[in-house]
C-alpha atoms as a PDB file:
ATOM      1  CA  MET A   1      99.399 121.137 107.370  1.00  0.00           C
ATOM      2  CA  THR A   2     101.713 120.804 110.474  1.00  0.00           C
ATOM      3  CA  GLY A   3     105.135 122.310 110.919  1.00  0.00           C
ATOM      4  CA  ASN A   4     106.840 125.132 109.096  1.00  0.00           C
ATOM      5  CA  SER A   5     105.333 126.119 105.685  1.00  0.00           C
ATOM      6  CA  GLY A   6     105.305 122.580 104.263  1.00  0.00           C
ATOM      7  CA  ARG A   7     108.972 121.970 104.239  1.00  0.00           C
ATOM      8  CA  VAL A   8     109.953 118.381 104.242  1.00  0.00           C
ATOM      9  CA  GLY A   9     113.017 116.727 105.706  1.00  0.00           C
ATOM     10  CA  PHE A  10     114.807 113.603 104.634  1.00  0.00           C
ATOM     11  CA  ILE A  11     117.427 111.341 106.246  1.00  0.00           C
ATOM     12  CA  GLY A  12     118.954 108.284 104.504  1.00  0.00           C
ATOM     13  CA  LEU A  13     120.508 109.416 101.171  1.00  0.00           C
ATOM     14  CA  GLY A  14     121.572 106.014  99.984  1.00  0.00           C
ATOM     15  CA  ASN A  15     120.884 103.860  96.939  1.00  0.00           C
ATOM     16  CA  GLN A  16     117.081 104.069  97.434  1.00  0.00           C
ATOM     17  CA  GLY A  17     116.750 107.171  99.567  1.00  0.00           C
ATOM     18  CA  ALA A  18     118.617 109.512  97.197  1.00  0.00           C
ATOM     19  CA  PRO A  19     116.120 109.210  94.370  1.00  0.00           C
ATOM     20  CA  ILE A  20     113.264 109.503  96.844  1.00  0.00           C
ATOM     21  CA  ALA A  21     114.647 112.717  98.183  1.00  0.00           C
ATOM     22  CA  TRP A  22     114.948 114.227  94.699  1.00  0.00           C
ATOM     23  CA  ARG A  23     111.395 113.346  93.876  1.00  0.00           C
ATOM     24  CA  ILE A  24     110.239 115.152  96.958  1.00  0.00           C
ATOM     25  CA  ALA A  25     112.413 118.194  96.120  1.00  0.00           C
ATOM     26  CA  ARG A  26     110.346 118.545  92.912  1.00  0.00           C
ATOM     27  CA  ILE A  27     107.163 119.427  94.932  1.00  0.00           C
ATOM     28  CA  ARG A  28     108.373 120.867  98.295  1.00  0.00           C
ATOM     29  CA  PRO A  29     111.294 122.755  99.850  1.00  0.00           C
ATOM     30  CA  LEU A  30     113.638 120.045 101.190  1.00  0.00           C
ATOM     31  CA  SER A  31     116.098 119.820 104.085  1.00  0.00           C
ATOM     32  CA  VAL A  32     118.502 116.855 104.256  1.00  0.00           C
ATOM     33  CA  TRP A  33     121.006 115.489 106.793  1.00  0.00           C
ATOM     34  CA  ALA A  34     123.579 112.665 106.542  1.00  0.00           C
ATOM     35  CA  ARG A  35     126.333 111.388 108.684  1.00  0.00           C
ATOM     36  CA  ARG A  36     128.837 112.021 105.849  1.00  0.00           C
ATOM     37  CA  GLU A  37     129.047 115.536 104.659  1.00  0.00           C
ATOM     38  CA  ALA A  38     130.061 114.377 101.229  1.00  0.00           C
ATOM     39  CA  SER A  39     126.534 112.839 100.790  1.00  0.00           C
ATOM     40  CA  THR A  40     124.874 116.243 101.186  1.00  0.00           C
ATOM     41  CA  ALA A  41     127.004 118.386  98.925  1.00  0.00           C
ATOM     42  CA  VAL A  42     124.989 117.648  95.746  1.00  0.00           C
ATOM     43  CA  TYR A  43     121.786 118.575  97.605  1.00  0.00           C
ATOM     44  CA  ARG A  44     123.137 121.912  98.723  1.00  0.00           C
ATOM     45  CA  ASP A  45     124.263 122.499  95.073  1.00  0.00           C
ATOM     46  CA  GLY A  46     120.729 121.510  93.928  1.00  0.00           C
ATOM     47  CA  GLY A  47     119.019 124.165  96.082  1.00  0.00           C
ATOM     48  CA  CYS A  48     118.146 122.076  99.179  1.00  0.00           C
ATOM     49  CA  THR A  49     118.943 123.022 102.761  1.00  0.00           C
ATOM     50  CA  VAL A  50     121.591 120.910 104.536  1.00  0.00           C
ATOM     51  CA  ALA A  51     120.770 120.573 108.332  1.00  0.00           C
ATOM     52  CA  SER A  52     123.518 120.332 110.943  1.00  0.00           C
ATOM     53  CA  SER A  53     121.817 117.569 112.868  1.00  0.00           C
ATOM     54  CA  PRO A  54     118.620 115.456 112.765  1.00  0.00           C
ATOM     55  CA  ALA A  55     117.218 117.901 115.506  1.00  0.00           C
ATOM     56  CA  ASP A  56     118.057 120.860 113.283  1.00  0.00           C
ATOM     57  CA  LEU A  57     116.325 119.157 110.293  1.00  0.00           C
ATOM     58  CA  ALA A  58     113.256 118.394 112.422  1.00  0.00           C
ATOM     59  CA  SER A  59     112.913 121.871 113.669  1.00  0.00           C
ATOM     60  CA  GLN A  60     112.559 123.117 110.062  1.00  0.00           C
ATOM     61  CA  CYS A  61     110.065 120.536 108.726  1.00  0.00           C
ATOM     62  CA  ALA A  62     106.404 119.612 108.552  1.00  0.00           C
ATOM     63  CA  ILE A  63     107.043 116.133 107.327  1.00  0.00           C
ATOM     64  CA  ILE A  64     110.194 114.058 107.697  1.00  0.00           C
ATOM     65  CA  GLY A  65     111.127 110.866 105.762  1.00  0.00           C
ATOM     66  CA  ILE A  66     113.686 108.415 107.060  1.00  0.00           C
ATOM     67  CA  CYS A  67     115.243 105.745 104.917  1.00  0.00           C
ATOM     68  CA  VAL A  68     118.248 104.411 106.832  1.00  0.00           C
ATOM     69  CA  VAL A  69     119.456 100.777 106.869  1.00  0.00           C
ATOM     70  CA  ASN A  70     118.190  99.051 110.008  1.00  0.00           C
ATOM     71  CA  ASP A  71     116.290  99.185 113.344  1.00  0.00           C
ATOM     72  CA  ASP A  72     119.284 100.567 115.255  1.00  0.00           C
ATOM     73  CA  ASP A  73     119.882 103.351 112.634  1.00  0.00           C
ATOM     74  CA  VAL A  74     116.251 104.405 112.888  1.00  0.00           C
ATOM     75  CA  ARG A  75     116.329 104.496 116.651  1.00  0.00           C
ATOM     76  CA  ASP A  76     119.552 106.531 116.470  1.00  0.00           C
ATOM     77  CA  VAL A  77     118.390 109.321 114.186  1.00  0.00           C
ATOM     78  CA  LEU A  78     115.097 109.586 116.119  1.00  0.00           C
ATOM     79  CA  MET A  79     116.214 109.233 119.666  1.00  0.00           C
ATOM     80  CA  ARG A  80     119.810 110.467 120.014  1.00  0.00           C
ATOM     81  CA  SER A  81     120.396 113.713 122.011  1.00  0.00           C
ATOM     82  CA  ASP A  82     120.264 115.722 118.750  1.00  0.00           C
ATOM     83  CA  GLY A  83     117.858 113.471 117.100  1.00  0.00           C
ATOM     84  CA  VAL A  84     114.567 114.124 115.322  1.00  0.00           C
ATOM     85  CA  PHE A  85     112.448 113.586 118.412  1.00  0.00           C
ATOM     86  CA  ALA A  86     114.448 116.289 120.140  1.00  0.00           C
ATOM     87  CA  GLY A  87     113.923 119.023 117.432  1.00  0.00           C
ATOM     88  CA  ALA A  88     110.451 118.097 116.119  1.00  0.00           C
ATOM     89  CA  ALA A  89     107.476 120.369 116.962  1.00  0.00           C
ATOM     90  CA  PRO A  90     104.283 118.745 118.128  1.00  0.00           C
ATOM     91  CA  GLY A  91     102.222 117.539 115.167  1.00  0.00           C
ATOM     92  CA  THR A  92     105.271 116.856 113.006  1.00  0.00           C
ATOM     93  CA  ILE A  93     104.758 113.756 110.764  1.00  0.00           C
ATOM     94  CA  ILE A  94     107.636 111.226 110.622  1.00  0.00           C
ATOM     95  CA  CYS A  95     107.570 108.579 107.924  1.00  0.00           C
ATOM     96  CA  ILE A  96     109.830 105.579 108.446  1.00  0.00           C
ATOM     97  CA  HIS A  97     110.638 104.129 104.997  1.00  0.00           C
ATOM     98  CA  SER A  98     113.293 101.670 106.247  1.00  0.00           C
ATOM     99  CA  THR A  99     112.415  97.918 106.548  1.00  0.00           C
ATOM    100  CA  VAL A 100     112.479  97.129 110.392  1.00  0.00           C
ATOM    101  CA  LEU A 101     110.692  94.925 112.872  1.00  0.00           C
ATOM    102  CA  PRO A 102     107.072  95.649 113.381  1.00  0.00           C
ATOM    103  CA  GLY A 103     107.815  95.762 117.033  1.00  0.00           C
ATOM    104  CA  THR A 104     110.303  98.460 116.522  1.00  0.00           C
ATOM    105  CA  MET A 105     107.656 100.690 114.946  1.00  0.00           C
ATOM    106  CA  VAL A 106     105.175  99.966 117.806  1.00  0.00           C
ATOM    107  CA  GLU A 107     107.887 100.920 120.324  1.00  0.00           C
ATOM    108  CA  LEU A 108     108.835 104.192 118.425  1.00  0.00           C
ATOM    109  CA  GLY A 109     105.221 104.988 117.829  1.00  0.00           C
ATOM    110  CA  LYS A 110     104.519 105.070 121.528  1.00  0.00           C
ATOM    111  CA  GLU A 111     107.491 107.279 122.073  1.00  0.00           C
ATOM    112  CA  ALA A 112     106.389 109.645 119.294  1.00  0.00           C
ATOM    113  CA  GLU A 113     102.806 109.785 120.723  1.00  0.00           C
ATOM    114  CA  ALA A 114     104.227 110.692 124.144  1.00  0.00           C
ATOM    115  CA  ARG A 115     105.958 113.681 122.481  1.00  0.00           C
ATOM    116  CA  LYS A 116     102.770 114.649 120.480  1.00  0.00           C
ATOM    117  CA  LEU A 117     104.448 113.491 117.245  1.00  0.00           C
ATOM    118  CA  LYS A 118     102.913 111.551 114.425  1.00  0.00           C
ATOM    119  CA  LEU A 119     104.810 108.411 113.304  1.00  0.00           C
ATOM    120  CA  LEU A 120     103.891 106.530 110.143  1.00  0.00           C
ATOM    121  CA  ASP A 121     105.125 103.048 109.504  1.00  0.00           C
ATOM    122  CA  ALA A 122     105.724 103.517 105.758  1.00  0.00           C
ATOM    123  CA  PRO A 123     108.353 101.066 104.205  1.00  0.00           C
ATOM    124  CA  VAL A 124     108.752 101.161 100.482  1.00  0.00           C
ATOM    125  CA  SER A 125     109.159  98.664  97.631  1.00  0.00           C
ATOM    126  CA  GLY A 126     110.376  99.234  94.133  1.00  0.00           C
ATOM    127  CA  GLY A 127     114.104  99.977  94.528  1.00  0.00           C
ATOM    128  CA  PRO A 128     116.079 102.833  93.075  1.00  0.00           C
ATOM    129  CA  ASP A 129     114.309 102.524  89.661  1.00  0.00           C
ATOM    130  CA  GLY A 130     110.958 102.799  91.241  1.00  0.00           C
ATOM    131  CA  ALA A 131     111.947 105.708  93.280  1.00  0.00           C
ATOM    132  CA  GLU A 132     113.453 107.540  90.242  1.00  0.00           C
ATOM    133  CA  ALA A 133     110.246 106.929  88.274  1.00  0.00           C
ATOM    134  CA  GLY A 134     107.941 107.696  91.125  1.00  0.00           C
ATOM    135  CA  THR A 135     106.188 104.316  90.966  1.00  0.00           C
ATOM    136  CA  MET A 136     107.165 102.888  94.394  1.00  0.00           C
ATOM    137  CA  SER A 137     104.712 101.041  96.534  1.00  0.00           C
ATOM    138  CA  ILE A 138     104.323 102.483 100.060  1.00  0.00           C
ATOM    139  CA  LEU A 139     102.884 100.057 102.760  1.00  0.00           C
ATOM    140  CA  VAL A 140     101.492 102.355 105.502  1.00  0.00           C
ATOM    141  CA  GLY A 141     100.669 101.387 109.072  1.00  0.00           C
ATOM    142  CA  GLY A 142      99.296 103.967 111.284  1.00  0.00           C
ATOM    143  CA  ASP A 143      96.563 106.613 111.580  1.00  0.00           C
ATOM    144  CA  ILE A 144      94.649 107.170 108.416  1.00  0.00           C
ATOM    145  CA  GLU A 145      94.284 110.873 108.962  1.00  0.00           C
ATOM    146  CA  THR A 146      98.021 111.228 109.274  1.00  0.00           C
ATOM    147  CA  LEU A 147      98.414 109.217 106.107  1.00  0.00           C
ATOM    148  CA  GLU A 148      96.157 111.618 104.286  1.00  0.00           C
ATOM    149  CA  ALA A 149      98.083 114.619 105.538  1.00  0.00           C
ATOM    150  CA  ALA A 150     101.315 113.014 104.201  1.00  0.00           C
ATOM    151  CA  ARG A 151      99.820 111.638 100.951  1.00  0.00           C
ATOM    152  CA  GLU A 152     100.935 114.384  98.609  1.00  0.00           C
ATOM    153  CA  VAL A 153     104.538 113.912  99.756  1.00  0.00           C
ATOM    154  CA  LEU A 154     104.317 110.181  99.528  1.00  0.00           C
ATOM    155  CA  ALA A 155     102.806 110.350  96.125  1.00  0.00           C
ATOM    156  CA  SER A 156     105.748 112.278  94.776  1.00  0.00           C
ATOM    157  CA  PHE A 157     107.706 108.980  94.712  1.00  0.00           C
ATOM    158  CA  GLY A 158     104.943 106.284  95.165  1.00  0.00           C
ATOM    159  CA  SER A 159     102.161 105.497  92.767  1.00  0.00           C
ATOM    160  CA  ASN A 160     100.764 102.658  94.992  1.00  0.00           C
ATOM    161  CA  ILE A 161     100.026 103.758  98.524  1.00  0.00           C
ATOM    162  CA  PHE A 162      98.340 101.104 100.627  1.00  0.00           C
ATOM    163  CA  HIS A 163      96.947 101.611 104.155  1.00  0.00           C
ATOM    164  CA  MET A 164      97.565  98.352 105.869  1.00  0.00           C
ATOM    165  CA  GLY A 165      96.200  99.035 109.368  1.00  0.00           C
ATOM    166  CA  ALA A 166      97.684  99.903 112.759  1.00  0.00           C
ATOM    167  CA  THR A 167     101.286 100.813 113.360  1.00  0.00           C
ATOM    168  CA  GLY A 168     103.508  97.787 112.593  1.00  0.00           C
ATOM    169  CA  THR A 169     101.267  96.341 109.846  1.00  0.00           C
ATOM    170  CA  GLY A 170     103.298  98.243 107.080  1.00  0.00           C
ATOM    171  CA  GLN A 171     106.481  96.510 108.143  1.00  0.00           C
ATOM    172  CA  ALA A 172     104.795  93.125 108.505  1.00  0.00           C
ATOM    173  CA  ALA A 173     103.491  93.486 104.955  1.00  0.00           C
ATOM    174  CA  LYS A 174     106.855  94.663 103.648  1.00  0.00           C
ATOM    175  CA  LEU A 175     108.659  91.735 105.296  1.00  0.00           C
ATOM    176  CA  LEU A 176     106.123  89.259 103.759  1.00  0.00           C
ATOM    177  CA  ASN A 177     106.561  90.900 100.271  1.00  0.00           C
ATOM    178  CA  ASN A 178     110.445  90.755 100.519  1.00  0.00           C
ATOM    179  CA  ASN A 179     110.356  87.220 101.623  1.00  0.00           C
ATOM    180  CA  LEU A 180     107.952  86.151  98.970  1.00  0.00           C
ATOM    181  CA  CYS A 181     110.395  87.679  96.383  1.00  0.00           C
ATOM    182  CA  PHE A 182     113.229  85.795  98.143  1.00  0.00           C
ATOM    183  CA  ALA A 183     111.184  82.494  97.824  1.00  0.00           C
ATOM    184  CA  ASN A 184     110.462  83.180  94.196  1.00  0.00           C
ATOM    185  CA  THR A 185     114.142  83.826  93.547  1.00  0.00           C
ATOM    186  CA  ALA A 186     115.008  80.476  95.218  1.00  0.00           C
ATOM    187  CA  MET A 187     112.449  78.599  93.028  1.00  0.00           C
ATOM    188  CA  ALA A 188     113.809  80.288  89.922  1.00  0.00           C
ATOM    189  CA  VAL A 189     117.379  79.097  90.841  1.00  0.00           C
ATOM    190  CA  HIS A 190     116.147  75.537  91.330  1.00  0.00           C
ATOM    191  CA  ALA A 191     114.328  75.718  87.965  1.00  0.00           C
ATOM    192  CA  LEU A 192     117.517  76.916  86.214  1.00  0.00           C
ATOM    193  CA  GLN A 193     119.553  74.241  87.979  1.00  0.00           C
ATOM    194  CA  LEU A 194     117.116  71.591  86.732  1.00  0.00           C
ATOM    195  CA  ALA A 195     117.365  73.175  83.224  1.00  0.00           C
ATOM    196  CA  ARG A 196     121.195  72.626  83.311  1.00  0.00           C
ATOM    197  CA  GLU A 197     120.727  69.014  84.262  1.00  0.00           C
ATOM    198  CA  PHE A 198     118.267  68.556  81.382  1.00  0.00           C
ATOM    199  CA  GLY A 199     120.967  69.905  78.988  1.00  0.00           C
ATOM    200  CA  ILE A 200     119.335  73.248  78.470  1.00  0.00           C
ATOM    201  CA  ASP A 201     121.360  76.523  78.458  1.00  0.00           C
ATOM    202  CA  GLN A 202     120.429  78.289  81.636  1.00  0.00           C
ATOM    203  CA  GLN A 203     120.427  81.732  80.020  1.00  0.00           C
ATOM    204  CA  VAL A 204     118.001  80.453  77.365  1.00  0.00           C
ATOM    205  CA  ALA A 205     115.858  78.919  79.941  1.00  0.00           C
ATOM    206  CA  ALA A 206     115.728  82.135  81.918  1.00  0.00           C
ATOM    207  CA  ARG A 207     114.627  84.060  78.826  1.00  0.00           C
ATOM    208  CA  VAL A 208     111.925  81.504  78.216  1.00  0.00           C
ATOM    209  CA  PHE A 209     110.667  81.743  81.724  1.00  0.00           C
ATOM    210  CA  ALA A 210     110.794  85.572  81.751  1.00  0.00           C
ATOM    211  CA  ALA A 211     108.595  85.545  78.589  1.00  0.00           C
ATOM    212  CA  SER A 212     106.190  82.934  79.815  1.00  0.00           C
ATOM    213  CA  SER A 213     103.949  82.111  82.870  1.00  0.00           C
ATOM    214  CA  GLY A 214     107.140  81.297  84.955  1.00  0.00           C
ATOM    215  CA  ALA A 215     108.108  84.915  85.113  1.00  0.00           C
ATOM    216  CA  SER A 216     108.532  86.531  88.505  1.00  0.00           C
ATOM    217  CA  THR A 217     110.360  89.418  90.217  1.00  0.00           C
ATOM    218  CA  GLY A 218     112.748  86.863  91.632  1.00  0.00           C
ATOM    219  CA  LEU A 219     113.618  85.633  88.164  1.00  0.00           C
ATOM    220  CA  ARG A 220     114.254  89.214  87.032  1.00  0.00           C
ATOM    221  CA  LEU A 221     116.600  89.683  89.970  1.00  0.00           C
ATOM    222  CA  ILE A 222     118.669  86.669  88.850  1.00  0.00           C
ATOM    223  CA  MET A 223     118.786  87.942  85.307  1.00  0.00           C
ATOM    224  CA  ASN A 224     119.911  91.434  86.293  1.00  0.00           C
ATOM    225  CA  ASN A 225     123.687  91.278  86.924  1.00  0.00           C
ATOM    226  CA  GLN A 226     123.837  94.465  89.129  1.00  0.00           C
ATOM    227  CA  GLN A 227     120.895  93.418  91.267  1.00  0.00           C
ATOM    228  CA  PHE A 228     122.174  89.850  91.650  1.00  0.00           C
ATOM    229  CA  LYS A 229     125.535  91.032  92.751  1.00  0.00           C
ATOM    230  CA  LYS A 230     123.985  93.443  95.259  1.00  0.00           C
ATOM    231  CA  VAL A 231     121.674  90.885  96.877  1.00  0.00           C
ATOM    232  CA  THR A 232     124.461  88.387  97.291  1.00  0.00           C
ATOM    233  CA  GLY A 233     127.015  90.995  98.329  1.00  0.00           C
ATOM    234  CA  ALA A 234     128.225  92.376 101.682  1.00  0.00           C
ATOM    235  CA  SER A 235     125.700  95.252 101.778  1.00  0.00           C
ATOM    236  CA  SER A 236     122.642  93.023 101.090  1.00  0.00           C
ATOM    237  CA  ASN A 237     119.658  93.239 103.472  1.00  0.00           C
ATOM    238  CA  LEU A 238     118.623  89.772 102.499  1.00  0.00           C
ATOM    239  CA  ARG A 239     119.472  88.033 105.814  1.00  0.00           C
ATOM    240  CA  LYS A 240     118.191  90.929 107.846  1.00  0.00           C
ATOM    241  CA  ASP A 241     114.772  90.818 106.248  1.00  0.00           C
ATOM    242  CA  ILE A 242     114.643  87.032 106.405  1.00  0.00           C
ATOM    243  CA  HIS A 243     115.593  87.099 110.145  1.00  0.00           C
ATOM    244  CA  HIS A 244     113.117  89.896 110.813  1.00  0.00           C
ATOM    245  CA  LEU A 245     110.150  87.937 109.329  1.00  0.00           C
ATOM    246  CA  ALA A 246     111.182  84.764 111.261  1.00  0.00           C
ATOM    247  CA  GLU A 247     111.421  86.762 114.480  1.00  0.00           C
ATOM    248  CA  PHE A 248     108.071  88.414 114.003  1.00  0.00           C
ATOM    249  CA  ALA A 249     106.396  85.093 113.007  1.00  0.00           C
ATOM    250  CA  ASP A 250     107.805  83.451 116.152  1.00  0.00           C
ATOM    251  CA  GLN A 251     106.428  86.272 118.280  1.00  0.00           C
ATOM    252  CA  GLN A 252     103.010  85.825 116.708  1.00  0.00           C
ATOM    253  CA  GLN A 253     103.199  81.960 117.117  1.00  0.00           C
ATOM    254  CA  VAL A 254     102.143  81.347 113.536  1.00  0.00           C
ATOM    255  CA  SER A 255     101.310  77.803 112.220  1.00  0.00           C
ATOM    256  CA  GLU A 256     102.088  78.590 108.567  1.00  0.00           C
ATOM    257  CA  LYS A 257     105.874  78.001 108.003  1.00  0.00           C
ATOM    258  CA  ALA A 258     106.459  77.107 104.368  1.00  0.00           C
ATOM    259  CA  LEU A 259     107.479  80.620 103.280  1.00  0.00           C
ATOM    260  CA  LEU A 260     109.752  80.963 106.299  1.00  0.00           C
ATOM    261  CA  ASP A 261     111.467  77.772 105.512  1.00  0.00           C
ATOM    262  CA  ILE A 262     112.109  78.507 101.840  1.00  0.00           C
ATOM    263  CA  ALA A 263     113.260  82.073 102.502  1.00  0.00           C
ATOM    264  CA  ALA A 264     115.567  80.869 105.287  1.00  0.00           C
ATOM    265  CA  ALA A 265     117.437  78.625 102.787  1.00  0.00           C
ATOM    266  CA  THR A 266     117.599  81.322 100.073  1.00  0.00           C
ATOM    267  CA  PRO A 267     120.944  83.151 101.090  1.00  0.00           C
ATOM    268  CA  ASP A 268     123.059  80.008 101.083  1.00  0.00           C
ATOM    269  CA  LEU A 269     121.347  78.824  97.843  1.00  0.00           C
ATOM    270  CA  LEU A 270     122.083  82.155  96.074  1.00  0.00           C
ATOM    271  CA  ASN A 271     125.704  82.190  97.275  1.00  0.00           C
ATOM    272  CA  GLU A 272     126.270  78.679  95.963  1.00  0.00           C
ATOM    273  CA  TYR A 273     124.582  79.560  92.661  1.00  0.00           C
ATOM    274  CA  ALA A 274     126.759  82.648  92.317  1.00  0.00           C
ATOM    275  CA  LYS A 275     129.872  80.401  92.139  1.00  0.00           C
ATOM    276  CA  PHE A 276     128.860  79.196  88.620  1.00  0.00           C
ATOM    277  CA  ARG A 277     126.289  81.699  87.519  1.00  0.00           C
ATOM    278  CA  LYS A 278     127.192  83.392  84.100  1.00  0.00           C
ATOM    279  CA  ASP A 279     126.218  87.015  83.405  1.00  0.00           C
ATOM    280  CA  PHE A 280     123.152  87.789  81.495  1.00  0.00           C
END
């Protein structure tokens, strides 16, 4: 074990990160940091240590998880003057649970290596419910030995841990997974729109599909009022993840474009559908 007595640090206490942090706190001493002090009060009350900066957190911890929103946020908490890189001891393991560009992970992985730190590309899937239940999927890119050193911590919130390959492959797999879900959601919307034109109640049609071979995570998203409002709301990561996959695919000069085309049309389709969708 690297670092200081197995303590784990966590940054990114949002909708998904918060339940991940609490799962970790069940098995290891936990330090947290957040930009807003109000976000950390409950952790202090719960027996966790609240760090004064990302560097302070890093100086305390053997393993650090980061679950912030986007590429710039990840770079900031790692590379700012009082960031994680500034405070981490050689050998510290840093797990990036955010969904970012594969190239961002490659770039940060090189910077971490130069500082003798170990960076894992480890985006997660399963949402807040999966985090609370400890059943998330974790798609890991990076050194297999580093993954094994972090496995106990990752297993506290993830029951499906996959080693995808080199740094960046975890993010590539996560972007594909998200965009496949978006495409399934789009197809479900098209099916429900056809049901309406056929004179079938859309809510009844959705229940039929959900109980039959037409079921999908995308359909369940449509049928979940809270999830649907989130994915079509201002805080949605839908467009970011679609753009990231398209950018990465363009960099790789891929020939297969069908998923990209369907996913690209999904945000506008969902926004239009939201205008007449009835709550389930």
